[in-house]
C-alpha atoms as a PDB file:
ATOM      1  CA  MET A   1     104.287  57.830 187.599  1.00  0.00           C
ATOM      2  CA  ARG A   2     103.909  54.140 186.827  1.00  0.00           C
ATOM      3  CA  HIS A   3     106.791  52.298 185.211  1.00  0.00           C
ATOM      4  CA  PHE A   4     107.092  49.113 183.202  1.00  0.00           C
ATOM      5  CA  SER A   5     108.873  46.335 185.032  1.00  0.00           C
ATOM      6  CA  ARG A   6     110.490  43.051 184.070  1.00  0.00           C
ATOM      7  CA  TYR A   7     108.415  40.040 184.946  1.00  0.00           C
ATOM      8  CA  PRO A   8     109.583  37.032 186.964  1.00  0.00           C
ATOM      9  CA  LEU A   9     108.499  33.992 184.991  1.00  0.00           C
ATOM     10  CA  ALA A  10     108.880  31.403 187.761  1.00  0.00           C
ATOM     11  CA  LEU A  11     105.943  29.006 187.797  1.00  0.00           C
ATOM     12  CA  ALA A  12     105.117  29.800 191.419  1.00  0.00           C
ATOM     13  CA  SER A  13     104.788  33.518 190.745  1.00  0.00           C
ATOM     14  CA  LEU A  14     102.599  32.917 187.682  1.00  0.00           C
ATOM     15  CA  LEU A  15     100.308  30.602 189.603  1.00  0.00           C
ATOM     16  CA  ALA A  16     100.096  33.042 192.495  1.00  0.00           C
ATOM     17  CA  ALA A  17      99.098  35.850 190.143  1.00  0.00           C
ATOM     18  CA  ALA A  18      96.587  33.628 188.363  1.00  0.00           C
ATOM     19  CA  ASN A  19      95.019  32.418 191.604  1.00  0.00           C
ATOM     20  CA  ALA A  20      94.701  35.979 192.899  1.00  0.00           C
ATOM     21  CA  MET A  21      92.940  37.026 189.705  1.00  0.00           C
ATOM     22  CA  ALA A  22      90.654  34.008 189.725  1.00  0.00           C
ATOM     23  CA  ALA A  23      89.678  34.928 193.275  1.00  0.00           C
ATOM     24  CA  GLY A  24      88.199  38.175 191.974  1.00  0.00           C
ATOM     25  CA  THR A  25      90.895  40.794 192.470  1.00  0.00           C
ATOM     26  CA  ALA A  26      89.514  44.332 192.159  1.00  0.00           C
ATOM     27  CA  GLY A  27      90.114  45.933 188.804  1.00  0.00           C
ATOM     28  CA  MET A  28      89.839  42.783 186.664  1.00  0.00           C
ATOM     29  CA  PHE A  29      87.696  42.163 183.609  1.00  0.00           C
ATOM     30  CA  PHE A  30      87.603  38.726 181.981  1.00  0.00           C
ATOM     31  CA  ASP A  31      85.103  37.124 179.633  1.00  0.00           C
ATOM     32  CA  ASP A  32      85.372  33.910 177.624  1.00  0.00           C
ATOM     33  CA  PHE A  33      81.926  34.319 176.033  1.00  0.00           C
ATOM     34  CA  HIS A  34      80.303  31.322 177.683  1.00  0.00           C
ATOM     35  CA  TYR A  35      76.803  32.538 176.824  1.00  0.00           C
ATOM     36  CA  ALA A  36      73.845  30.595 175.505  1.00  0.00           C
ATOM     37  CA  ASP A  37      72.815  33.320 173.042  1.00  0.00           C
ATOM     38  CA  THR A  38      73.122  37.010 172.219  1.00  0.00           C
ATOM     39  CA  ALA A  39      70.411  37.929 174.741  1.00  0.00           C
ATOM     40  CA  ALA A  40      72.609  36.505 177.502  1.00  0.00           C
ATOM     41  CA  LEU A  41      75.619  38.277 175.965  1.00  0.00           C
ATOM     42  CA  THR A  42      73.977  41.696 176.189  1.00  0.00           C
ATOM     43  CA  ALA A  43      72.707  40.928 179.688  1.00  0.00           C
ATOM     44  CA  GLY A  44      76.364  40.303 180.550  1.00  0.00           C
ATOM     45  CA  GLY A  45      77.305  43.887 179.719  1.00  0.00           C
ATOM     46  CA  TRP A  46      78.078  43.777 176.000  1.00  0.00           C
ATOM     47  CA  LYS A  47      76.417  45.875 173.303  1.00  0.00           C
ATOM     48  CA  ILE A  48      75.928  44.780 169.688  1.00  0.00           C
ATOM     49  CA  ARG A  49      76.172  47.695 167.295  1.00  0.00           C
ATOM     50  CA  ASP A  50      73.015  48.470 165.330  1.00  0.00           C
ATOM     51  CA  GLN A  51      73.720  52.021 164.079  1.00  0.00           C
ATOM     52  CA  GLN A  52      75.070  53.089 160.710  1.00  0.00           C
ATOM     53  CA  GLY A  53      78.201  55.203 160.497  1.00  0.00           C
ATOM     54  CA  HIS A  54      81.984  55.058 160.561  1.00  0.00           C
ATOM     55  CA  PRO A  55      83.831  52.847 159.723  1.00  0.00           C
ATOM     56  CA  GLY A  56      82.998  50.750 156.713  1.00  0.00           C
ATOM     57  CA  ILE A  57      80.827  51.051 153.638  1.00  0.00           C
ATOM     58  CA  ALA A  58      78.634  54.149 153.859  1.00  0.00           C
ATOM     59  CA  HIS A  59      75.017  53.292 154.754  1.00  0.00           C
ATOM     60  CA  GLY A  60      75.938  49.648 155.302  1.00  0.00           C
ATOM     61  CA  GLN A  61      74.069  47.770 158.012  1.00  0.00           C
ATOM     62  CA  TRP A  62      75.287  46.733 161.459  1.00  0.00           C
ATOM     63  CA  GLY A  63      73.632  44.439 163.929  1.00  0.00           C
ATOM     64  CA  PRO A  64      71.161  41.574 163.558  1.00  0.00           C
ATOM     65  CA  GLY A  65      72.750  38.303 162.555  1.00  0.00           C
ATOM     66  CA  THR A  66      76.340  39.566 162.689  1.00  0.00           C
ATOM     67  CA  ILE A  67      77.137  38.306 166.221  1.00  0.00           C
ATOM     68  CA  SER A  68      76.639  34.713 167.389  1.00  0.00           C
ATOM     69  CA  LEU A  69      77.818  32.280 170.077  1.00  0.00           C
ATOM     70  CA  VAL A  70      79.077  28.859 168.974  1.00  0.00           C
ATOM     71  CA  ASP A  71      80.689  25.812 170.568  1.00  0.00           C
ATOM     72  CA  ASP A  72      84.475  25.679 170.331  1.00  0.00           C
ATOM     73  CA  PRO A  73      85.242  22.556 168.260  1.00  0.00           C
ATOM     74  CA  GLN A  74      88.775  22.373 169.687  1.00  0.00           C
ATOM     75  CA  ALA A  75      87.939  22.831 173.382  1.00  0.00           C
ATOM     76  CA  GLY A  76      85.092  20.764 174.748  1.00  0.00           C
ATOM     77  CA  GLY A  77      82.706  22.747 176.915  1.00  0.00           C
ATOM     78  CA  GLN A  78      84.010  26.139 175.789  1.00  0.00           C
ATOM     79  CA  ARG A  79      82.208  28.705 173.648  1.00  0.00           C
ATOM     80  CA  LEU A  80      83.362  31.201 171.035  1.00  0.00           C
ATOM     81  CA  LEU A  81      81.949  34.534 170.021  1.00  0.00           C
ATOM     82  CA  ARG A  82      81.740  34.866 166.246  1.00  0.00           C
ATOM     83  CA  LEU A  83      81.622  38.095 164.257  1.00  0.00           C
ATOM     84  CA  SER A  84      80.291  37.701 160.712  1.00  0.00           C
ATOM     85  CA  ALA A  85      80.340  40.297 157.945  1.00  0.00           C
ATOM     86  CA  ARG A  86      79.134  40.053 154.375  1.00  0.00           C
ATOM     87  CA  THR A  87      78.909  42.284 151.328  1.00  0.00           C
ATOM     88  CA  ASP A  88      78.016  42.203 147.662  1.00  0.00           C
ATOM     89  CA  GLY A  89      79.702  45.585 147.219  1.00  0.00           C
ATOM     90  CA  THR A  90      76.532  47.628 147.727  1.00  0.00           C
ATOM     91  CA  ALA A  91      75.377  49.488 150.824  1.00  0.00           C
ATOM     92  CA  GLU A  92      72.105  47.570 150.992  1.00  0.00           C
ATOM     93  CA  GLY A  93      73.975  44.281 150.656  1.00  0.00           C
ATOM     94  CA  THR A  94      76.547  45.001 153.353  1.00  0.00           C
ATOM     95  CA  TYR A  95      76.303  43.791 156.963  1.00  0.00           C
ATOM     96  CA  GLN A  96      79.208  44.536 159.328  1.00  0.00           C
ATOM     97  CA  ALA A  97      79.780  43.455 162.947  1.00  0.00           C
ATOM     98  CA  GLN A  98      80.824  45.325 166.078  1.00  0.00           C
ATOM     99  CA  LEU A  99      80.735  44.411 169.769  1.00  0.00           C
ATOM    100  CA  CYS A 100      81.428  46.911 172.568  1.00  0.00           C
ATOM    101  CA  HIS A 101      81.865  46.935 176.328  1.00  0.00           C
ATOM    102  CA  GLN A 102      81.412  49.830 178.730  1.00  0.00           C
ATOM    103  CA  ARG A 103      83.693  52.847 178.497  1.00  0.00           C
ATOM    104  CA  LYS A 104      85.683  52.546 181.738  1.00  0.00           C
ATOM    105  CA  TYR A 105      89.101  51.185 180.734  1.00  0.00           C
ATOM    106  CA  PHE A 106      92.325  53.179 180.756  1.00  0.00           C
ATOM    107  CA  GLU A 107      95.752  52.119 182.031  1.00  0.00           C
ATOM    108  CA  GLY A 108      96.796  48.520 182.613  1.00  0.00           C
ATOM    109  CA  THR A 109      96.892  45.400 180.431  1.00  0.00           C
ATOM    110  CA  TYR A 110      94.524  44.541 177.572  1.00  0.00           C
ATOM    111  CA  ALA A 111      94.583  41.106 175.930  1.00  0.00           C
ATOM    112  CA  ALA A 112      92.415  38.971 173.664  1.00  0.00           C
ATOM    113  CA  ARG A 113      92.548  35.610 171.922  1.00  0.00           C
ATOM    114  CA  ILE A 114      91.363  36.031 168.310  1.00  0.00           C
ATOM    115  CA  ARG A 115      91.045  33.850 165.221  1.00  0.00           C
ATOM    116  CA  PHE A 116      91.855  35.960 162.183  1.00  0.00           C
ATOM    117  CA  THR A 117      90.734  34.696 158.769  1.00  0.00           C
ATOM    118  CA  ASP A 118      92.565  35.138 155.478  1.00  0.00           C
ATOM    119  CA  ALA A 119      89.835  34.071 153.050  1.00  0.00           C
ATOM    120  CA  PRO A 120      86.071  34.478 152.794  1.00  0.00           C
ATOM    121  CA  LEU A 121      83.828  31.563 153.700  1.00  0.00           C
ATOM    122  CA  GLN A 122      82.000  32.182 150.432  1.00  0.00           C
ATOM    123  CA  GLY A 123      82.558  34.253 147.335  1.00  0.00           C
ATOM    124  CA  PRO A 124      85.817  35.515 145.808  1.00  0.00           C
ATOM    125  CA  GLY A 125      88.605  36.875 147.995  1.00  0.00           C
ATOM    126  CA  GLY A 126      90.119  40.320 147.648  1.00  0.00           C
ATOM    127  CA  ASP A 127      87.859  42.774 149.493  1.00  0.00           C
ATOM    128  CA  LEU A 128      89.619  45.149 151.857  1.00  0.00           C
ATOM    129  CA  VAL A 129      88.256  43.587 155.041  1.00  0.00           C
ATOM    130  CA  VAL A 130      89.414  44.735 158.497  1.00  0.00           C
ATOM    131  CA  GLU A 131      89.410  42.434 161.545  1.00  0.00           C
ATOM    132  CA  SER A 132      89.889  44.428 164.766  1.00  0.00           C
ATOM    133  CA  PHE A 133      90.328  44.525 168.536  1.00  0.00           C
ATOM    134  CA  TYR A 134      90.614  48.003 170.011  1.00  0.00           C
ATOM    135  CA  ALA A 135      89.989  50.382 172.883  1.00  0.00           C
ATOM    136  CA  SER A 136      88.579  53.820 172.064  1.00  0.00           C
ATOM    137  CA  SER A 137      86.850  56.972 173.252  1.00  0.00           C
ATOM    138  CA  PRO A 138      84.449  59.098 171.165  1.00  0.00           C
ATOM    139  CA  LEU A 139      85.771  61.586 168.626  1.00  0.00           C
ATOM    140  CA  LYS A 140      83.747  64.661 169.642  1.00  0.00           C
ATOM    141  CA  HIS A 141      84.964  66.795 166.740  1.00  0.00           C
ATOM    142  CA  ASP A 142      87.765  66.927 164.170  1.00  0.00           C
ATOM    143  CA  PHE A 143      91.184  66.918 165.838  1.00  0.00           C
ATOM    144  CA  ASP A 144      89.648  66.332 169.271  1.00  0.00           C
ATOM    145  CA  PRO A 145      92.694  66.580 171.623  1.00  0.00           C
ATOM    146  CA  GLN A 146      91.130  64.111 174.093  1.00  0.00           C
ATOM    147  CA  TYR A 147      90.458  61.428 171.491  1.00  0.00           C
ATOM    148  CA  SER A 148      92.024  58.114 172.556  1.00  0.00           C
ATOM    149  CA  GLU A 149      92.289  54.862 170.604  1.00  0.00           C
ATOM    150  CA  LEU A 150      94.567  51.814 170.688  1.00  0.00           C
ATOM    151  CA  ASP A 151      94.103  49.356 167.808  1.00  0.00           C
ATOM    152  CA  TRP A 152      94.884  45.939 166.475  1.00  0.00           C
ATOM    153  CA  GLU A 153      93.719  45.767 162.833  1.00  0.00           C
ATOM    154  CA  TYR A 154      94.333  42.785 160.558  1.00  0.00           C
ATOM    155  CA  LEU A 155      94.022  43.298 156.785  1.00  0.00           C
ATOM    156  CA  PRO A 156      94.293  39.833 155.170  1.00  0.00           C
ATOM    157  CA  ASN A 157      93.851  41.189 151.640  1.00  0.00           C
ATOM    158  CA  GLY A 158      95.980  44.287 152.091  1.00  0.00           C
ATOM    159  CA  GLY A 159      94.742  47.742 151.203  1.00  0.00           C
ATOM    160  CA  TRP A 160      95.351  51.392 152.022  1.00  0.00           C
ATOM    161  CA  GLY A 161      98.228  51.577 149.557  1.00  0.00           C
ATOM    162  CA  ASN A 162      99.813  48.227 150.414  1.00  0.00           C
ATOM    163  CA  PRO A 163      98.741  44.956 148.729  1.00  0.00           C
ATOM    164  CA  HIS A 164     100.234  42.646 151.382  1.00  0.00           C
ATOM    165  CA  SER A 165      98.537  40.935 154.327  1.00  0.00           C
ATOM    166  CA  ARG A 166      99.468  42.730 157.528  1.00  0.00           C
ATOM    167  CA  LEU A 167      98.576  43.398 161.134  1.00  0.00           C
ATOM    168  CA  TYR A 168      98.519  46.988 162.337  1.00  0.00           C
ATOM    169  CA  SER A 169      99.143  48.086 165.908  1.00  0.00           C
ATOM    170  CA  VAL A 170      98.116  51.747 166.115  1.00  0.00           C
ATOM    171  CA  SER A 171      98.138  54.366 168.880  1.00  0.00           C
ATOM    172  CA  TRP A 172      96.091  57.442 168.003  1.00  0.00           C
ATOM    173  CA  GLN A 173      96.610  61.068 168.939  1.00  0.00           C
ATOM    174  CA  THR A 174      93.730  62.535 166.950  1.00  0.00           C
ATOM    175  CA  VAL A 175      92.099  62.551 163.517  1.00  0.00           C
ATOM    176  CA  GLN A 176      89.960  64.497 161.058  1.00  0.00           C
ATOM    177  CA  MET A 177      87.475  62.272 159.231  1.00  0.00           C
ATOM    178  CA  GLU A 178      86.697  64.369 156.124  1.00  0.00           C
ATOM    179  CA  PRO A 179      89.037  64.949 154.452  1.00  0.00           C
ATOM    180  CA  TRP A 180      91.027  62.228 156.180  1.00  0.00           C
ATOM    181  CA  ASN A 181      93.970  63.542 158.217  1.00  0.00           C
ATOM    182  CA  ALA A 182      95.294  61.220 160.924  1.00  0.00           C
ATOM    183  CA  PHE A 183      97.927  61.669 163.619  1.00  0.00           C
ATOM    184  CA  ASN A 184      99.054  58.371 165.077  1.00  0.00           C
ATOM    185  CA  GLN A 185     101.937  55.948 165.590  1.00  0.00           C
ATOM    186  CA  VAL A 186     101.860  52.677 163.635  1.00  0.00           C
ATOM    187  CA  HIS A 187     103.609  49.320 163.532  1.00  0.00           C
ATOM    188  CA  GLU A 188     102.951  47.000 160.578  1.00  0.00           C
ATOM    189  CA  GLU A 189     103.566  43.257 160.881  1.00  0.00           C
ATOM    190  CA  GLN A 190     103.634  42.336 157.195  1.00  0.00           C
ATOM    191  CA  ARG A 191     102.684  38.669 156.927  1.00  0.00           C
ATOM    192  CA  ALA A 192      99.612  36.485 156.673  1.00  0.00           C
ATOM    193  CA  LEU A 193      98.237  35.695 160.132  1.00  0.00           C
ATOM    194  CA  GLY A 194      95.176  33.571 159.532  1.00  0.00           C
ATOM    195  CA  GLY A 195      94.487  31.434 162.603  1.00  0.00           C
ATOM    196  CA  TRP A 196      94.508  31.867 166.378  1.00  0.00           C
ATOM    197  CA  HIS A 197      96.626  34.595 167.991  1.00  0.00           C
ATOM    198  CA  THR A 198      96.905  36.358 171.338  1.00  0.00           C
ATOM    199  CA  VAL A 199      97.266  40.141 171.133  1.00  0.00           C
ATOM    200  CA  LEU A 200      98.209  42.215 174.181  1.00  0.00           C
ATOM    201  CA  MET A 201      98.739  45.874 175.059  1.00  0.00           C
ATOM    202  CA  GLN A 202     100.468  47.249 178.170  1.00  0.00           C
ATOM    203  CA  VAL A 203      99.456  50.845 178.903  1.00  0.00           C
ATOM    204  CA  ALA A 204     101.192  52.864 181.638  1.00  0.00           C
ATOM    205  CA  GLY A 205     103.594  55.706 182.330  1.00  0.00           C
ATOM    206  CA  GLY A 206     103.156  57.338 178.939  1.00  0.00           C
ATOM    207  CA  LYS A 207     104.066  54.148 177.039  1.00  0.00           C
ATOM    208  CA  VAL A 208     102.005  51.593 175.090  1.00  0.00           C
ATOM    209  CA  ARG A 209     103.634  48.256 174.324  1.00  0.00           C
ATOM    210  CA  TYR A 210     102.161  45.857 171.760  1.00  0.00           C
ATOM    211  CA  PHE A 211     102.716  42.076 171.947  1.00  0.00           C
ATOM    212  CA  LEU A 212     101.728  39.377 169.452  1.00  0.00           C
ATOM    213  CA  ASP A 213     101.813  35.781 170.709  1.00  0.00           C
ATOM    214  CA  GLY A 214     104.154  36.750 173.535  1.00  0.00           C
ATOM    215  CA  VAL A 215     106.600  38.761 171.396  1.00  0.00           C
ATOM    216  CA  GLN A 216     106.837  42.537 171.725  1.00  0.00           C
ATOM    217  CA  LEU A 217     106.380  44.245 168.356  1.00  0.00           C
ATOM    218  CA  ASP A 218     106.659  47.919 169.222  1.00  0.00           C
ATOM    219  CA  GLU A 219     106.442  50.648 171.867  1.00  0.00           C
ATOM    220  CA  HIS A 220     104.463  53.861 171.345  1.00  0.00           C
ATOM    221  CA  GLY A 221     104.025  56.949 173.475  1.00  0.00           C
ATOM    222  CA  GLY A 222     104.302  60.713 173.681  1.00  0.00           C
ATOM    223  CA  ARG A 223     101.375  62.507 172.066  1.00  0.00           C
ATOM    224  CA  ASN A 224      99.867  59.165 171.015  1.00  0.00           C
ATOM    225  CA  TYR A 225      99.286  58.004 174.594  1.00  0.00           C
ATOM    226  CA  PRO A 226      95.571  57.784 175.518  1.00  0.00           C
ATOM    227  CA  ALA A 227      94.095  60.757 177.364  1.00  0.00           C
ATOM    228  CA  GLN A 228      90.848  59.366 178.806  1.00  0.00           C
ATOM    229  CA  PRO A 229      88.935  56.141 179.578  1.00  0.00           C
ATOM    230  CA  MET A 230      87.974  53.973 176.622  1.00  0.00           C
ATOM    231  CA  SER A 231      85.551  51.188 175.737  1.00  0.00           C
ATOM    232  CA  ILE A 232      86.719  47.710 174.709  1.00  0.00           C
ATOM    233  CA  ASN A 233      85.588  46.803 171.182  1.00  0.00           C
ATOM    234  CA  PHE A 234      85.805  44.226 168.420  1.00  0.00           C
ATOM    235  CA  ASN A 235      84.684  44.759 164.847  1.00  0.00           C
ATOM    236  CA  LEU A 236      84.724  43.255 161.364  1.00  0.00           C
ATOM    237  CA  TRP A 237      84.116  45.622 158.474  1.00  0.00           C
ATOM    238  CA  PHE A 238      84.808  46.427 154.822  1.00  0.00           C
ATOM    239  CA  SER A 239      86.745  49.504 153.760  1.00  0.00           C
ATOM    240  CA  PRO A 240      84.976  51.218 150.834  1.00  0.00           C
ATOM    241  CA  SER A 241      88.350  52.042 149.279  1.00  0.00           C
ATOM    242  CA  GLY A 242      88.982  48.382 148.505  1.00  0.00           C
ATOM    243  CA  VAL A 243      85.674  46.656 147.761  1.00  0.00           C
ATOM    244  CA  LEU A 244      85.679  44.322 144.762  1.00  0.00           C
ATOM    245  CA  PRO A 245      83.926  45.780 141.704  1.00  0.00           C
ATOM    246  CA  ASP A 246      81.829  42.625 141.155  1.00  0.00           C
ATOM    247  CA  THR A 247      78.623  43.132 143.161  1.00  0.00           C
ATOM    248  CA  LYS A 248      76.818  40.004 141.940  1.00  0.00           C
ATOM    249  CA  VAL A 249      78.303  37.537 144.433  1.00  0.00           C
ATOM    250  CA  GLU A 250      78.141  37.896 148.209  1.00  0.00           C
ATOM    251  CA  ARG A 251      81.396  37.557 150.151  1.00  0.00           C
ATOM    252  CA  ARG A 252      81.297  36.525 153.829  1.00  0.00           C
ATOM    253  CA  TYR A 253      84.052  36.680 156.457  1.00  0.00           C
ATOM    254  CA  GLU A 254      84.246  35.528 160.094  1.00  0.00           C
ATOM    255  CA  GLN A 255      86.350  36.424 163.112  1.00  0.00           C
ATOM    256  CA  ASP A 256      86.207  34.336 166.308  1.00  0.00           C
ATOM    257  CA  LEU A 257      86.970  35.376 169.894  1.00  0.00           C
ATOM    258  CA  ALA A 258      87.936  32.947 172.650  1.00  0.00           C
ATOM    259  CA  TRP A 259      88.409  35.435 175.503  1.00  0.00           C
ATOM    260  CA  VAL A 260      89.240  39.026 176.441  1.00  0.00           C
ATOM    261  CA  MET A 261      90.887  40.443 179.567  1.00  0.00           C
ATOM    262  CA  HIS A 262      91.742  43.797 181.118  1.00  0.00           C
ATOM    263  CA  ALA A 263      93.792  44.230 184.305  1.00  0.00           C
ATOM    264  CA  LYS A 264      93.306  47.765 185.597  1.00  0.00           C
ATOM    265  CA  ASP A 265      96.584  49.493 186.555  1.00  0.00           C
ATOM    266  CA  GLN A 266      98.483  46.184 186.356  1.00  0.00           C
ATOM    267  CA  LEU A 267     101.194  45.428 183.824  1.00  0.00           C
ATOM    268  CA  LEU A 268     100.986  41.712 183.135  1.00  0.00           C
ATOM    269  CA  SER A 269     103.376  39.796 180.914  1.00  0.00           C
ATOM    270  CA  PRO A 270     101.928  37.546 178.188  1.00  0.00           C
ATOM    271  CA  ALA A 271     102.801  34.520 180.341  1.00  0.00           C
ATOM    272  CA  GLN A 272     100.953  35.966 183.334  1.00  0.00           C
ATOM    273  CA  VAL A 273      97.877  36.617 181.207  1.00  0.00           C
ATOM    274  CA  GLU A 274      97.895  33.063 179.868  1.00  0.00           C
ATOM    275  CA  ALA A 275      98.272  31.703 183.413  1.00  0.00           C
ATOM    276  CA  ALA A 276      95.362  33.815 184.631  1.00  0.00           C
ATOM    277  CA  VAL A 277      93.114  32.713 181.773  1.00  0.00           C
ATOM    278  CA  GLY A 278      94.011  29.103 182.467  1.00  0.00           C
ATOM    279  CA  ALA A 279      93.198  29.551 186.159  1.00  0.00           C
ATOM    280  CA  TYR A 280      89.819  31.086 185.372  1.00  0.00           C
ATOM    281  CA  ARG A 281      88.884  28.288 183.005  1.00  0.00           C
ATOM    282  CA  ARG A 282      90.071  25.467 185.256  1.00  0.00           C
ATOM    283  CA  SER A 283      87.941  27.008 188.016  1.00  0.00           C
ATOM    284  CA  GLY A 284      84.906  27.215 185.741  1.00  0.00           C
ATOM    285  CA  VAL A 285      84.950  31.034 185.907  1.00  0.00           C
ATOM    286  CA  HIS A 286      83.685  32.490 182.619  1.00  0.00           C
ATOM    287  CA  HIS A 287      83.053  36.120 183.519  1.00  0.00           C
ATOM    288  CA  VAL A 288      84.647  38.539 186.021  1.00  0.00           C
ATOM    289  CA  ASP A 289      84.083  42.287 186.087  1.00  0.00           C
ATOM    290  CA  THR A 290      85.458  44.169 189.069  1.00  0.00           C
ATOM    291  CA  VAL A 291      86.488  47.246 187.052  1.00  0.00           C
ATOM    292  CA  ALA A 292      84.381  50.019 188.545  1.00  0.00           C
ATOM    293  CA  ALA A 293      82.336  52.205 186.229  1.00  0.00           C
ATOM    294  CA  MET A 294      83.299  55.848 185.979  1.00  0.00           C
ATOM    295  CA  ALA A 295      81.309  58.190 188.200  1.00  0.00           C
ATOM    296  CA  PRO A 296      79.100  59.263 186.564  1.00  0.00           C
ATOM    297  CA  PRO A 297      79.183  56.442 183.981  1.00  0.00           C
ATOM    298  CA  LEU A 298      80.499  57.532 180.597  1.00  0.00           C
ATOM    299  CA  PRO A 299      78.377  57.115 177.447  1.00  0.00           C
ATOM    300  CA  SER A 300      79.103  53.834 175.648  1.00  0.00           C
ATOM    301  CA  ASN A 301      77.386  54.240 172.302  1.00  0.00           C
ATOM    302  CA  CYS A 302      79.016  51.494 170.192  1.00  0.00           C
ATOM    303  CA  ASP A 303      78.821  53.614 167.047  1.00  0.00           C
ATOM    304  CA  PHE A 304      82.461  54.300 166.111  1.00  0.00           C
END
């Protein structure tokens, strides 16, 4: 059984870990989205969702125009991936964004640098919008015992029975979609978090630890521990339970990504992750993927 350990934070050890990762250690995935366009993004192993379905507004659209690559105005030479979602409150006027990577990730460290937004770029605020980073496996049927999902979900306008801005960290056991009946473990960080943040999950030995900007928020486990390999995903969507009644004005939200990382079967501290990312970028390394696919490869549908 794997165990969590305390991490030596000496500069030499951090640099050694970062240099080893930058050299292409087996079991590493890193991407800072340094792509010219979405065609290059998909060639790099990502999939842009284009299918209707859960979550979000029923019959809303996913796909074209919701994912883009832009220059980072605060870091010369770097790129950002941007998710854009918009709605006028109707299904035909709703476009939501989701980006997925291959389903081959299980235990280890997951981390991402994300810019959450508190207000729409246009239109009135108040829609129940969800800004997410998560790892998940398919839900084959209601109460699927093998279902696995680990979530970060930011709700800037509140919702789901709570009007306050908050960030969820959620470990799922299983769920029934209709009628809704969920079994999970949840932490709620109840504050506005618009701006850049680093979110991190350590997964090993039956425990999942959630960190925000280097600070541990919670530890989950038991029946809520993942049971099978998952895909890495980001999405931006509107919950139908909290859409504004005014459908005459379009509302548009954005969520930016600077980088994402997974270290297979390695428990990295937030400082070690930051050191590794810095080493990659100083070396001009924008993409590493030495996490082997499952044999045979698992379906990665990007539709949930």
